[in-house]
Amino acid sequence: MNYDVTIDHESGRFLAVHAFEAKPQEMAEKQGQAFGTVAAHLAAIGVPIEGSAVSCYEMRDNTFHVSSGFVVGGPIAPGDGVGSLQLPDIDVASTTHIGPYEQLGLAYAALKEGTEAKGRHVDESAMMWEEYLTGPDSPPEEITTVVHWPLETAAA
């Protein structure tokens, strides 16, 4: 797949999320549970979902620390294991991956290479996130995921 890497600015959108830890082989099941938990909580408190399903990732101690949920209009009342998370107000490298989740590593590699070609660098210590534009029941070759990775601060 040919990836178009862009430099964008994340404005600090709010997410309603459920946080969990997972090994790679546990990710799909735990994400599905998290999305269900968040959707049920939002329905119970009357808060509309205002955007894509999103998962935020940090890797520590060979374990993914994940917050999965949905874009919402602002902070929400916590409960049922669901809370608010605000994405950072920061420049990010972004690209769209079309294909199976198992091949998302190609998009991350393209982000690193593409930002370096533009004279920037991804911040490997930063939380990265994925926005899911199609659901997991889509045919694997049609699954569409936008991947975002914060950039190191540009030199002044």
Protein backbone atom coordinates (compact mmCIF):
# COMPACT_ATOMS: atom_id res chain seq x y z
CA MET A 1 0.00 0.00 0.00
CA ASN A 2 1.16 3.52 -0.78
CA TYR A 3 0.74 5.86 2.22
CA ASP A 4 0.22 9.60 1.99
CA VAL A 5 1.77 11.06 5.14
CA THR A 6 0.53 14.50 6.15
CA ILE A 7 1.49 16.85 8.96
CA ASP A 8 -1.67 17.99 10.71
CA HIS A 9 -2.54 19.76 13.95
CA GLU A 10 -4.64 17.99 16.57
CA SER A 11 -6.72 20.60 18.36
CA GLY A 12 -7.26 18.65 21.57
CA ARG A 13 -10.56 16.86 20.94
CA PHE A 14 -12.26 15.15 23.85
CA LEU A 15 -12.84 11.42 24.02
CA ALA A 16 -14.98 9.28 26.30
CA VAL A 17 -12.81 6.22 26.96
CA HIS A 18 -12.39 2.98 28.85
CA ALA A 19 -8.73 2.24 29.70
CA PHE A 20 -7.15 -1.21 29.76
CA GLU A 21 -3.87 -3.05 29.33
CA ALA A 22 -3.42 -5.72 26.67
CA LYS A 23 -0.97 -7.92 24.86
CA PRO A 24 -1.28 -7.70 21.04
CA GLN A 25 -3.27 -10.95 20.79
CA GLU A 26 -5.85 -9.60 23.31
CA MET A 27 -6.35 -6.25 21.64
CA ALA A 28 -9.37 -6.89 19.40
CA GLU A 29 -11.47 -8.51 22.11
CA LYS A 30 -10.64 -5.89 24.75
CA GLN A 31 -11.23 -3.02 22.32
CA GLY A 32 -14.64 -4.39 21.41
CA GLN A 33 -15.56 -4.64 25.08
CA ALA A 34 -14.29 -1.10 25.72
CA PHE A 35 -16.29 0.39 22.83
CA GLY A 36 -19.43 -1.34 24.12
CA THR A 37 -18.84 -0.11 27.68
CA VAL A 38 -18.30 3.48 26.53
CA ALA A 39 -21.32 3.50 24.19
CA ALA A 40 -23.57 2.16 26.98
CA HIS A 41 -22.29 4.77 29.46
CA LEU A 42 -22.77 7.63 27.00
CA ALA A 43 -26.32 6.46 26.26
CA ALA A 44 -27.07 6.23 29.99
CA ILE A 45 -25.92 9.80 30.66
CA GLY A 46 -27.40 11.23 27.46
CA VAL A 47 -24.14 12.29 25.79
CA PRO A 48 -24.05 11.93 21.99
CA ILE A 49 -21.12 10.38 20.15
CA GLU A 50 -19.76 13.14 17.90
CA GLY A 51 -17.10 11.33 15.91
CA SER A 52 -15.16 8.19 15.18
CA ALA A 53 -14.26 5.32 17.41
CA VAL A 54 -10.69 5.95 18.64
CA SER A 55 -8.01 3.97 20.46
CA CYS A 56 -5.01 5.68 22.06
CA TYR A 57 -1.86 3.66 22.67
CA GLU A 58 1.25 3.79 24.79
CA MET A 59 3.68 0.88 25.05
CA ARG A 60 5.29 0.20 28.43
CA ASP A 61 6.85 -2.98 29.76
CA ASN A 62 5.93 -4.93 26.59
CA THR A 63 2.26 -4.20 27.23
CA PHE A 64 -0.06 -1.82 25.43
CA HIS A 65 -1.78 0.72 27.68
CA VAL A 66 -4.92 1.54 25.73
CA SER A 67 -7.81 3.97 26.04
CA SER A 68 -10.63 3.14 23.61
CA GLY A 69 -13.83 5.08 23.05
CA PHE A 70 -15.46 7.79 21.01
CA VAL A 71 -15.09 11.47 20.16
CA VAL A 72 -17.46 13.59 22.28
CA GLY A 73 -18.11 17.32 22.60
CA GLY A 74 -16.30 17.86 25.91
CA PRO A 75 -15.53 16.28 29.27
CA ILE A 76 -18.11 13.75 30.46
CA ALA A 77 -19.35 12.58 33.84
CA PRO A 78 -17.26 9.52 34.69
CA GLY A 79 -18.73 6.18 35.69
CA ASP A 80 -18.92 2.49 34.79
CA GLY A 81 -15.16 2.46 34.10
CA VAL A 82 -15.51 5.30 31.57
CA GLY A 83 -13.81 8.68 31.79
CA SER A 84 -12.68 11.62 29.71
CA LEU A 85 -9.43 11.93 27.81
CA GLN A 86 -8.34 15.00 25.90
CA LEU A 87 -6.04 14.45 22.95
CA PRO A 88 -2.96 16.68 23.04
CA ASP A 89 -2.96 20.03 21.24
CA ILE A 90 0.01 19.14 19.04
CA ASP A 91 1.33 18.58 15.52
CA VAL A 92 0.88 15.00 14.36
CA ALA A 93 1.85 12.87 11.40
CA SER A 94 -1.23 11.20 9.94
CA THR A 95 -1.94 8.59 7.30
CA THR A 96 -4.84 6.40 6.24
CA HIS A 97 -4.49 2.63 6.24
CA ILE A 98 -6.91 0.57 4.17
CA GLY A 99 -6.69 -3.12 4.93
CA PRO A 100 -6.53 -5.59 7.81
CA TYR A 101 -5.66 -4.39 11.31
CA GLU A 102 -2.80 -6.90 11.32
CA GLN A 103 -1.03 -4.74 8.71
CA LEU A 104 -1.25 -1.45 10.64
CA GLY A 105 2.47 -1.69 11.40
CA LEU A 106 3.07 -0.68 7.77
CA ALA A 107 1.26 2.61 8.42
CA TYR A 108 3.40 3.34 11.48
CA ALA A 109 6.57 2.63 9.49
CA ALA A 110 5.31 4.96 6.74
CA LEU A 111 4.67 7.70 9.32
CA LYS A 112 8.25 7.50 10.58
CA GLU A 113 9.70 7.50 7.08
CA GLY A 114 7.34 10.16 5.73
CA THR A 115 7.93 12.63 8.55
CA GLU A 116 11.70 12.22 8.27
CA ALA A 117 11.41 12.99 4.55
CA LYS A 118 9.66 16.23 5.58
CA GLY A 119 12.42 17.10 8.05
CA ARG A 120 10.40 16.18 11.16
CA HIS A 121 10.41 13.22 13.54
CA VAL A 122 7.69 11.30 15.33
CA ASP A 123 7.89 11.37 19.12
CA GLU A 124 8.40 7.70 19.90
CA SER A 125 7.60 8.30 23.58
CA ALA A 126 4.25 9.95 22.85
CA MET A 127 0.77 8.46 22.92
CA MET A 128 -0.38 7.63 19.39
CA TRP A 129 -3.95 7.01 18.30
CA GLU A 130 -6.05 5.40 15.60
CA GLU A 131 -9.46 6.48 14.33
CA TYR A 132 -11.61 3.69 12.95
CA LEU A 133 -13.71 4.85 10.00
CA THR A 134 -15.17 1.38 9.41
CA GLY A 135 -16.17 -1.31 11.85
CA PRO A 136 -14.45 -4.61 12.53
CA ASP A 137 -17.20 -6.44 10.63
CA SER A 138 -16.12 -4.81 7.36
CA PRO A 139 -14.31 -7.03 4.86
CA PRO A 140 -10.60 -6.94 5.85
CA GLU A 141 -9.55 -5.30 2.58
CA GLU A 142 -12.01 -2.42 3.21
CA ILE A 143 -11.17 -1.63 6.84
CA THR A 144 -10.17 2.04 7.01
CA THR A 145 -8.07 3.39 9.88
CA VAL A 146 -6.51 6.85 10.22
CA VAL A 147 -3.30 6.65 12.25
CA HIS A 148 -1.94 9.68 14.14
CA TRP A 149 1.49 9.95 15.77
CA PRO A 150 2.59 13.14 17.58
CA LEU A 151 5.72 14.84 16.31
CA GLU A 152 8.70 16.06 18.23
CA THR A 153 8.52 19.82 18.74
CA ALA A 154 9.94 21.61 15.70
CA ALA A 155 13.17 23.52 16.28
CA ALA A 156 12.55 27.26 16.57
